[in-house]
N, C-alpha and C. Protein backbone atom coordinates (compact mmCIF):
# COMPACT_ATOMS: atom_id res chain seq x y z
N MET A 1 0.86 -1.16 -0.06
CA MET A 1 0.02 -0.16 0.07
C MET A 1 0.85 1.02 -0.13
N GLY A 2 0.68 2.06 -0.81
CA GLY A 2 1.47 3.49 -1.17
C GLY A 2 1.42 4.20 0.04
N ARG A 3 1.81 5.38 0.21
CA ARG A 3 1.90 6.37 1.44
C ARG A 3 0.61 7.14 1.25
N ASP A 4 0.01 7.47 -0.03
CA ASP A 4 -1.14 8.29 -0.37
C ASP A 4 -2.40 7.15 -0.10
N GLN A 5 -2.39 5.76 -0.19
CA GLN A 5 -3.46 4.82 0.26
C GLN A 5 -3.32 4.63 1.58
N SER A 6 -2.14 4.71 2.48
CA SER A 6 -2.20 4.36 3.72
C SER A 6 -2.78 5.66 4.48
N PHE A 7 -2.50 6.90 4.35
CA PHE A 7 -2.58 7.95 4.57
C PHE A 7 -4.39 8.01 4.34
N GLU A 8 -4.70 7.97 3.14
CA GLU A 8 -6.43 7.66 3.09
C GLU A 8 -6.84 6.80 3.84
N ALA A 9 -6.57 5.65 4.35
CA ALA A 9 -7.03 4.53 5.37
C ALA A 9 -6.90 5.26 6.61
N LEU A 10 -5.76 5.87 7.05
CA LEU A 10 -5.68 6.81 8.02
C LEU A 10 -6.73 7.76 8.34
N LEU A 11 -7.12 8.40 7.34
CA LEU A 11 -8.18 9.68 7.47
C LEU A 11 -9.22 8.92 7.54
N ASP A 12 -9.58 7.67 6.91
CA ASP A 12 -11.04 7.01 6.90
C ASP A 12 -11.38 6.93 8.42
N GLU A 13 -10.24 6.14 9.22
CA GLU A 13 -10.42 5.47 10.53
C GLU A 13 -10.08 6.89 11.61
N HIS A 14 -9.71 7.95 11.52
CA HIS A 14 -9.18 9.03 12.40
C HIS A 14 -9.99 9.82 12.13
N GLY A 15 -10.16 10.56 10.81
CA GLY A 15 -10.65 11.74 10.34
C GLY A 15 -11.62 12.50 11.39
N ALA A 16 -12.82 11.73 11.85
CA ALA A 16 -13.41 12.11 12.76
C ALA A 16 -13.05 12.68 13.73
N MET A 17 -12.33 11.94 14.60
CA MET A 17 -11.58 12.60 15.65
C MET A 17 -10.75 13.76 15.49
N LEU A 18 -9.91 13.84 13.92
CA LEU A 18 -9.37 14.85 14.08
C LEU A 18 -9.77 16.42 13.78
N ARG A 19 -11.59 16.11 13.16
CA ARG A 19 -12.41 17.24 13.05
C ARG A 19 -12.64 17.82 14.06
N ARG A 20 -12.98 16.75 15.18
CA ARG A 20 -13.30 17.09 16.68
C ARG A 20 -12.50 18.10 17.48
N ILE A 21 -11.21 17.35 17.36
CA ILE A 21 -10.05 18.16 17.79
C ILE A 21 -10.11 19.58 17.30
N ALA A 22 -10.19 19.92 15.86
CA ALA A 22 -10.17 20.97 15.37
C ALA A 22 -11.17 21.80 15.96
N SER A 23 -12.64 21.48 15.81
CA SER A 23 -13.61 22.04 16.25
C SER A 23 -13.80 22.71 17.76
N ALA A 24 -12.81 21.95 18.37
CA ALA A 24 -12.44 22.38 20.12
C ALA A 24 -11.63 23.36 20.20
N TYR A 25 -10.90 23.84 19.26
CA TYR A 25 -10.11 25.15 19.13
C TYR A 25 -10.61 25.99 18.29
N GLU A 26 -11.38 26.05 17.25
CA GLU A 26 -11.85 26.91 16.14
C GLU A 26 -13.31 26.86 16.11
N ALA A 27 -14.25 27.82 16.51
CA ALA A 27 -15.43 27.77 16.45
C ALA A 27 -16.30 28.52 14.94
N GLY A 28 -15.41 28.92 14.31
CA GLY A 28 -15.79 29.52 13.18
C GLY A 28 -15.53 28.37 11.84
N ARG A 29 -16.54 28.55 11.16
CA ARG A 29 -16.35 27.55 10.27
C ARG A 29 -15.07 27.66 9.01
N GLU A 30 -14.64 28.84 8.72
CA GLU A 30 -13.80 29.03 7.71
C GLU A 30 -12.48 28.78 8.35
N ARG A 31 -12.34 29.09 9.54
CA ARG A 31 -11.18 28.93 10.28
C ARG A 31 -10.83 27.62 10.89
N ARG A 32 -11.73 26.94 11.34
CA ARG A 32 -11.85 25.70 11.49
C ARG A 32 -11.20 24.73 10.20
N HIS A 33 -11.94 25.05 9.21
CA HIS A 33 -11.45 24.34 7.98
C HIS A 33 -10.17 24.57 7.55
N GLU A 34 -9.69 25.58 8.07
CA GLU A 34 -8.13 26.06 7.78
C GLU A 34 -7.36 25.13 8.62
N LEU A 35 -7.87 25.09 10.11
CA LEU A 35 -7.26 24.17 11.11
C LEU A 35 -7.34 22.85 10.78
N GLU A 36 -8.36 22.33 10.19
CA GLU A 36 -8.37 20.92 9.83
C GLU A 36 -7.00 20.79 8.69
N GLN A 37 -7.40 21.44 7.86
CA GLN A 37 -6.10 21.70 6.77
C GLN A 37 -4.81 21.35 7.35
N ASP A 38 -4.38 22.52 8.30
CA ASP A 38 -3.18 22.58 8.83
C ASP A 38 -2.83 21.22 9.23
N ILE A 39 -3.88 20.51 10.40
CA ILE A 39 -3.99 19.19 10.89
C ILE A 39 -3.54 17.91 10.21
N LEU A 40 -4.65 18.06 8.95
CA LEU A 40 -4.03 17.06 8.07
C LEU A 40 -2.47 17.21 7.44
N LEU A 41 -1.99 18.21 7.15
CA LEU A 41 -0.67 18.23 6.99
C LEU A 41 0.27 18.20 7.72
N ALA A 42 0.07 18.50 9.10
CA ALA A 42 0.96 18.18 9.92
C ALA A 42 0.92 16.72 10.02
N VAL A 43 -0.25 16.01 10.07
CA VAL A 43 -0.10 14.14 10.34
C VAL A 43 0.55 14.21 9.12
N TRP A 44 0.30 14.32 7.97
CA TRP A 44 1.03 13.49 6.68
C TRP A 44 2.61 13.88 7.05
N ARG A 45 2.93 14.82 7.42
CA ARG A 45 4.59 15.15 7.56
C ARG A 45 5.28 14.42 8.60
N ALA A 46 4.16 14.23 9.81
CA ALA A 46 4.68 13.36 10.95
C ALA A 46 4.71 11.83 10.83
N MET A 47 3.97 11.44 9.78
CA MET A 47 3.59 10.03 9.69
C MET A 47 5.11 9.18 9.86
N PRO A 48 6.02 9.63 8.90
CA PRO A 48 7.07 9.04 8.58
C PRO A 48 8.10 8.76 9.64
N ARG A 49 7.84 9.60 10.85
CA ARG A 49 8.64 9.63 12.40
C ARG A 49 7.58 8.84 12.95
N TYR A 50 6.73 8.27 12.79
CA TYR A 50 5.82 7.52 13.69
C TYR A 50 6.86 5.86 13.72
N ARG A 51 6.90 5.72 14.90
CA ARG A 51 7.89 4.31 15.23
C ARG A 51 7.39 3.24 16.07
N GLY A 52 5.99 3.59 16.19
CA GLY A 52 5.20 2.41 16.91
C GLY A 52 5.32 2.35 18.20
N GLU A 53 5.65 3.46 18.83
CA GLU A 53 5.94 3.40 20.44
C GLU A 53 4.46 3.39 21.02
N ALA A 54 3.45 4.17 20.45
CA ALA A 54 2.26 4.47 21.09
C ALA A 54 1.37 3.95 19.99
N PRO A 55 -0.26 3.66 20.11
CA PRO A 55 -0.90 3.35 19.07
C PRO A 55 -1.07 4.93 18.21
N VAL A 56 -1.30 4.35 16.86
CA VAL A 56 -1.30 5.35 16.08
C VAL A 56 -2.28 6.50 16.12
N ARG A 57 -3.53 6.10 16.76
CA ARG A 57 -4.35 7.21 17.24
C ARG A 57 -3.89 7.96 18.06
N ALA A 58 -2.98 7.29 19.14
CA ALA A 58 -2.45 8.54 20.16
C ALA A 58 -1.38 9.33 19.30
N PHE A 59 -0.87 8.96 18.62
CA PHE A 59 0.14 9.43 17.88
C PHE A 59 -0.21 10.66 16.72
N ILE A 60 -1.55 10.36 16.16
CA ILE A 60 -1.84 11.31 15.45
C ILE A 60 -2.78 12.44 16.29
N ALA A 61 -3.34 11.98 17.57
CA ALA A 61 -4.02 13.09 18.46
C ALA A 61 -3.21 13.69 18.74
N ARG A 62 -1.92 13.45 19.35
CA ARG A 62 -0.84 14.32 19.64
C ARG A 62 -0.51 15.38 18.75
N VAL A 63 -0.13 14.94 17.39
CA VAL A 63 0.12 15.91 16.39
C VAL A 63 -0.88 16.86 16.24
N ALA A 64 -2.27 16.58 16.03
CA ALA A 64 -3.38 17.39 15.84
C ALA A 64 -3.35 18.17 17.22
N HIS A 65 -3.23 17.97 18.42
CA HIS A 65 -3.26 18.98 19.36
C HIS A 65 -2.05 19.87 19.14
N ASN A 66 -0.91 19.16 19.08
CA ASN A 66 0.28 20.36 18.98
C ASN A 66 0.10 21.16 18.08
N ARG A 67 -0.42 20.81 16.61
CA ARG A 67 -0.68 21.90 15.94
C ARG A 67 -1.77 22.93 16.08
N ALA A 68 -2.71 22.28 16.85
CA ALA A 68 -3.78 23.30 17.02
C ALA A 68 -3.28 24.31 18.06
N VAL A 69 -2.57 23.68 18.99
CA VAL A 69 -1.94 24.88 20.09
C VAL A 69 -1.04 25.76 19.54
N THR A 70 -0.32 25.58 18.62
CA THR A 70 0.67 26.40 17.34
C THR A 70 -0.68 27.24 16.79
N HIS A 71 -1.57 26.59 16.18
CA HIS A 71 -2.79 27.62 15.42
C HIS A 71 -3.20 28.38 16.49
N VAL A 72 -3.63 28.24 17.66
CA VAL A 72 -4.31 29.15 18.52
C VAL A 72 -3.16 30.27 18.94
N ALA A 73 -2.17 29.63 19.21
CA ALA A 73 -1.06 31.06 19.39
C ALA A 73 -0.54 31.91 18.47
N ARG A 74 -0.54 31.41 17.16
CA ARG A 74 -0.47 32.24 16.09
C ARG A 74 -1.63 33.07 15.89
N GLU A 75 -2.85 32.37 16.05
CA GLU A 75 -4.05 33.68 16.25
C GLU A 75 -4.14 34.85 16.94
N ALA A 76 -3.77 34.14 18.25
CA ALA A 76 -3.63 35.02 19.63
C ALA A 76 -2.70 36.21 19.19
N ALA A 77 -1.77 35.99 18.28
CA ALA A 77 -0.48 37.07 18.36
C ALA A 77 -1.30 38.02 16.87
N GLU A 78 -2.12 37.59 16.25
CA GLU A 78 -2.48 38.46 15.21
C GLU A 78 -3.67 39.66 15.75
N PRO A 79 -3.77 40.54 14.89
CA PRO A 79 -5.15 41.48 15.71
C PRO A 79 -6.49 40.73 15.39
N ARG A 80 -7.12 41.28 16.25
CA ARG A 80 -8.47 40.82 16.07
C ARG A 80 -9.37 41.33 15.23
N ARG A 81 -9.88 40.20 13.87
CA ARG A 81 -10.64 40.68 12.92
C ARG A 81 -11.91 39.70 13.12
N GLN A 82 -13.07 40.44 12.94
CA GLN A 82 -14.25 39.79 12.73
C GLN A 82 -15.39 39.96 11.95
N PRO A 83 -15.40 39.70 10.57
CA PRO A 83 -16.08 40.21 9.56
C PRO A 83 -17.57 39.77 10.07
N LEU A 84 -18.79 40.81 9.81
CA LEU A 84 -20.04 40.56 10.21
C LEU A 84 -20.58 39.27 9.33
N ASP A 85 -21.38 38.61 9.99
CA ASP A 85 -21.80 37.57 9.45
C ASP A 85 -23.38 37.51 9.63
N GLU A 86 -23.91 37.47 8.01
CA GLU A 86 -25.70 37.32 8.77
C GLU A 86 -26.21 36.28 9.37
N GLU A 87 -25.42 34.95 9.35
CA GLU A 87 -25.86 33.92 10.31
C GLU A 87 -25.52 34.20 12.00
N THR A 88 -24.68 35.37 12.42
CA THR A 88 -24.25 35.42 13.61
C THR A 88 -25.57 35.79 14.55
N PRO A 89 -26.04 34.96 15.43
CA PRO A 89 -27.00 35.49 16.34
C PRO A 89 -27.11 36.76 16.98
N SER A 90 -28.36 37.35 17.46
CA SER A 90 -28.36 38.58 17.83
C SER A 90 -27.91 38.32 19.59
N ALA A 91 -27.59 39.41 20.06
CA ALA A 91 -27.59 39.32 21.63
C ALA A 91 -28.73 38.57 22.40
N ALA A 92 -29.77 38.91 21.81
CA ALA A 92 -31.20 38.63 22.45
C ALA A 92 -31.73 37.65 21.71
N PRO A 93 -31.81 36.00 22.36
CA PRO A 93 -32.21 34.94 21.95
C PRO A 93 -33.71 34.87 21.79
N THR A 94 -34.04 34.46 20.59
CA THR A 94 -35.37 34.14 20.42
C THR A 94 -35.74 32.90 20.99
N PRO A 95 -36.97 32.63 21.06
CA PRO A 95 -37.21 31.26 21.72
C PRO A 95 -37.16 30.38 20.84
N HIS A 96 -36.82 30.24 19.76
CA HIS A 96 -36.24 29.13 18.88
C HIS A 96 -34.75 28.78 18.94
N ASP A 97 -33.95 30.21 19.23
CA ASP A 97 -32.72 30.13 19.65
C ASP A 97 -32.47 29.53 21.16
N ALA A 98 -33.45 29.84 21.83
CA ALA A 98 -33.26 29.14 23.25
C ALA A 98 -33.28 27.71 23.15
N LEU A 99 -34.34 26.87 22.50
CA LEU A 99 -34.23 25.76 22.39
C LEU A 99 -33.14 25.11 21.70
N GLU A 100 -32.64 25.50 20.57
CA GLU A 100 -31.49 25.12 19.84
C GLU A 100 -30.55 24.97 21.33
N ALA A 101 -30.25 26.18 21.93
CA ALA A 101 -29.23 26.09 23.07
C ALA A 101 -29.28 25.16 23.69
N LEU A 102 -30.32 24.44 23.87
CA LEU A 102 -30.76 23.19 24.92
C LEU A 102 -29.75 21.85 24.29
N ASP A 103 -29.44 22.09 22.96
CA ASP A 103 -28.78 20.72 22.62
C ASP A 103 -27.46 20.29 23.42
N LEU A 104 -27.36 19.29 23.91
CA LEU A 104 -26.43 19.04 24.91
C LEU A 104 -24.79 19.00 23.97
N GLN A 105 -25.09 18.48 22.83
CA GLN A 105 -23.75 18.09 22.02
C GLN A 105 -23.27 19.61 22.04
N ASP A 106 -23.99 20.44 21.44
CA ASP A 106 -23.55 21.72 20.90
C ASP A 106 -22.99 22.41 22.06
N ARG A 107 -23.85 22.60 23.22
CA ARG A 107 -23.48 22.93 24.61
C ARG A 107 -22.37 22.51 25.10
N LEU A 108 -21.97 21.50 25.12
CA LEU A 108 -20.68 20.89 25.51
C LEU A 108 -19.60 21.28 24.81
N ALA A 109 -19.57 21.30 23.29
CA ALA A 109 -18.35 21.58 22.65
C ALA A 109 -18.34 23.16 22.70
N VAL A 110 -19.28 23.94 23.07
CA VAL A 110 -18.74 25.28 23.58
C VAL A 110 -18.09 25.37 24.70
N ALA A 111 -18.75 24.77 25.56
CA ALA A 111 -18.15 24.44 27.16
C ALA A 111 -16.52 24.33 27.01
N VAL A 112 -16.27 23.14 26.08
CA VAL A 112 -15.13 22.32 26.12
C VAL A 112 -14.14 23.83 25.58
N ARG A 113 -14.77 24.27 24.39
CA ARG A 113 -13.56 25.52 23.75
C ARG A 113 -13.33 26.63 24.79
N ALA A 114 -14.38 26.60 25.90
CA ALA A 114 -14.38 27.83 26.66
C ALA A 114 -13.14 27.69 27.91
N LEU A 115 -12.88 26.34 28.09
CA LEU A 115 -11.90 25.73 29.00
C LEU A 115 -10.48 26.16 28.93
N PRO A 116 -9.78 26.60 30.11
CA PRO A 116 -8.21 26.85 29.87
C PRO A 116 -7.64 25.85 29.08
N LEU A 117 -6.74 25.99 28.19
CA LEU A 117 -5.82 24.91 27.50
C LEU A 117 -5.38 23.65 28.42
N SER A 118 -5.13 23.90 29.55
CA SER A 118 -4.43 22.97 30.34
C SER A 118 -5.52 22.05 30.80
N LEU A 119 -6.92 22.48 30.67
CA LEU A 119 -7.97 21.59 31.25
C LEU A 119 -8.35 21.10 29.72
N ARG A 120 -8.56 21.48 28.58
CA ARG A 120 -9.14 21.40 27.33
C ARG A 120 -8.49 20.19 26.96
N GLN A 121 -7.41 20.05 26.71
CA GLN A 121 -6.76 19.12 26.28
C GLN A 121 -6.86 17.96 26.71
N PRO A 122 -6.94 17.60 27.93
CA PRO A 122 -7.20 15.84 28.69
C PRO A 122 -8.72 15.80 28.54
N ALA A 123 -9.51 17.07 28.62
CA ALA A 123 -10.83 16.98 28.69
C ALA A 123 -11.43 16.28 27.15
N LEU A 124 -11.12 16.75 26.31
CA LEU A 124 -11.21 16.63 24.94
C LEU A 124 -10.85 15.05 24.74
N LEU A 125 -9.50 15.00 25.02
CA LEU A 125 -8.98 13.33 24.94
C LEU A 125 -9.81 12.57 25.59
N THR A 126 -10.31 12.72 26.62
CA THR A 126 -11.15 11.99 27.40
C THR A 126 -12.42 11.52 26.57
N LEU A 127 -12.96 12.75 26.02
CA LEU A 127 -14.18 12.51 25.44
C LEU A 127 -13.94 11.61 24.13
N GLU A 128 -13.02 11.64 23.56
CA GLU A 128 -12.43 10.92 22.76
C GLU A 128 -12.10 9.40 22.84
N GLY A 129 -12.35 8.88 24.33
CA GLY A 129 -11.83 7.52 24.65
C GLY A 129 -10.63 7.41 25.20
N PHE A 130 -10.01 8.29 25.51
CA PHE A 130 -8.52 8.04 25.96
C PHE A 130 -8.60 8.19 27.36
N THR A 131 -8.00 7.16 28.08
CA THR A 131 -7.78 7.21 29.46
C THR A 131 -6.64 8.11 30.33
N PRO A 132 -6.56 8.27 31.43
CA PRO A 132 -5.66 9.26 31.89
C PRO A 132 -4.12 8.72 31.63
N ALA A 133 -4.01 7.31 31.58
CA ALA A 133 -2.54 6.79 31.53
C ALA A 133 -2.33 7.00 29.98
N GLU A 134 -3.36 6.97 29.13
CA GLU A 134 -2.85 7.32 27.97
C GLU A 134 -2.56 8.49 27.40
N ILE A 135 -3.52 9.56 28.02
CA ILE A 135 -3.27 10.93 27.74
C ILE A 135 -1.97 11.81 28.54
N ALA A 136 -1.64 11.04 29.44
CA ALA A 136 -0.47 11.57 30.11
C ALA A 136 1.06 11.59 29.28
N PRO A 137 1.27 10.37 28.31
CA PRO A 137 2.72 10.75 27.72
C PRO A 137 2.24 11.60 26.50
N MET A 138 0.73 11.92 25.88
CA MET A 138 0.69 12.70 24.87
C MET A 138 0.90 14.13 25.03
N LEU A 139 0.68 14.40 26.65
CA LEU A 139 0.66 15.98 26.99
C LEU A 139 1.89 16.25 27.55
N GLY A 140 3.02 14.95 27.94
CA GLY A 140 4.11 15.30 28.58
C GLY A 140 3.85 15.45 30.48
N LEU A 141 2.74 14.71 30.78
CA LEU A 141 2.19 15.00 31.98
C LEU A 141 2.21 13.38 32.71
N ASN A 142 2.30 13.30 34.15
CA ASN A 142 2.08 12.11 34.77
C ASN A 142 0.45 11.84 34.79
N ALA A 143 0.19 10.80 34.99
CA ALA A 143 -1.44 10.53 34.96
C ALA A 143 -2.08 10.96 35.95
N ASN A 144 -1.55 11.21 37.29
CA ASN A 144 -1.96 11.80 38.52
C ASN A 144 -2.46 13.31 38.07
N THR A 145 -1.31 13.92 37.42
CA THR A 145 -1.78 15.36 37.04
C THR A 145 -3.08 15.54 35.97
N VAL A 146 -2.98 14.73 35.01
CA VAL A 146 -4.09 14.32 34.32
C VAL A 146 -5.56 14.21 34.98
N SER A 147 -5.02 13.54 35.69
CA SER A 147 -6.42 12.84 36.62
C SER A 147 -7.06 14.37 37.46
N ILE A 148 -6.04 15.14 38.03
CA ILE A 148 -6.43 16.27 38.56
C ILE A 148 -7.03 17.35 37.76
N ARG A 149 -6.43 17.54 36.61
CA ARG A 149 -7.23 18.21 35.39
C ARG A 149 -8.33 17.85 35.04
N LEU A 150 -8.69 16.63 34.74
CA LEU A 150 -9.90 16.08 34.59
C LEU A 150 -10.79 16.55 35.26
N THR A 151 -10.62 16.36 36.76
CA THR A 151 -11.50 16.39 37.82
C THR A 151 -11.78 17.84 37.63
N ARG A 152 -10.97 18.88 37.64
CA ARG A 152 -11.03 20.31 37.44
C ARG A 152 -12.07 21.00 36.48
N ALA A 153 -11.67 20.28 35.04
CA ALA A 153 -12.28 20.05 33.79
C ALA A 153 -13.81 19.76 33.81
N LYS A 154 -14.11 18.57 34.65
CA LYS A 154 -15.74 18.04 34.93
C LYS A 154 -16.20 19.24 35.35
N VAL A 155 -15.82 19.87 36.75
CA VAL A 155 -16.34 20.70 37.49
C VAL A 155 -16.72 22.12 36.68
N ALA A 156 -15.66 22.52 36.01
CA ALA A 156 -15.95 23.79 35.08
C ALA A 156 -17.15 23.34 34.10
N LEU A 157 -17.20 22.24 33.34
CA LEU A 157 -17.98 21.85 32.61
C LEU A 157 -19.39 21.61 32.92
N ARG A 158 -19.48 21.27 34.16
CA ARG A 158 -20.72 20.86 35.10
C ARG A 158 -21.20 22.37 35.46
N ASP A 159 -20.59 23.21 35.57
CA ASP A 159 -20.87 24.76 35.89
C ASP A 159 -21.27 25.01 34.56
N ALA A 160 -20.82 24.98 33.24
CA ALA A 160 -20.76 25.89 32.11
C ALA A 160 -22.32 25.21 31.71
N LEU A 161 -22.48 23.91 31.87
CA LEU A 161 -23.51 23.23 31.57
C LEU A 161 -24.69 23.13 32.07
N ASN A 162 -24.87 23.33 33.71
CA ASN A 162 -25.90 23.61 34.52
C ASN A 162 -25.80 24.88 35.32
N PRO A 163 -25.90 26.09 35.02
CA PRO A 163 -25.57 27.50 35.58
C PRO A 163 -26.69 27.54 36.54
N GLN A 164 -27.96 26.83 36.47
CA GLN A 164 -28.96 27.04 37.50
C GLN A 164 -28.50 26.18 38.71
N ASP A 165 -27.60 25.28 38.57
CA ASP A 165 -27.24 24.36 39.93
C ASP A 165 -25.78 25.13 40.52
N ARG A 166 -25.38 26.39 40.22
CA ARG A 166 -24.46 27.30 41.06
C ARG A 166 -25.18 27.81 42.28
N SER A 167 -24.76 27.69 43.18
CA SER A 167 -25.34 28.07 44.45
C SER A 167 -24.22 29.19 45.19
């Protein structure tokens, strides 16, 4: 199997995870698509360095997260520009908008994006099915630190998803 075919097979198997990672770092459709392309290029370039020391899924997740962090850092250094978008909702939600806001998956994605990077990475990888022991080497941490960050992320997500429960 050639490199192009093996890369296509890799994308078939892990493309959805890579798109979810990109969406955790970019909310805007165009920027998210740009990040997805950057991640794919980074994975393409990194695959020849894969030595089989970890599962390929973990390897490409780490490459994707590293690329996303670089993307966020680059974006933070640029001046803020926000084009007006006809689809941008107004500040006052309509009843229809309020019902749509109740959709758990969308609310969870927004809440994960709002987490500080140190909590977002382990939370997102946990949502992808990785254990703290698998996440630790990806992030250069020990499993205990990952578990502590996950506990903090869960509290922050619970607060974000259930604001009426705060007392």
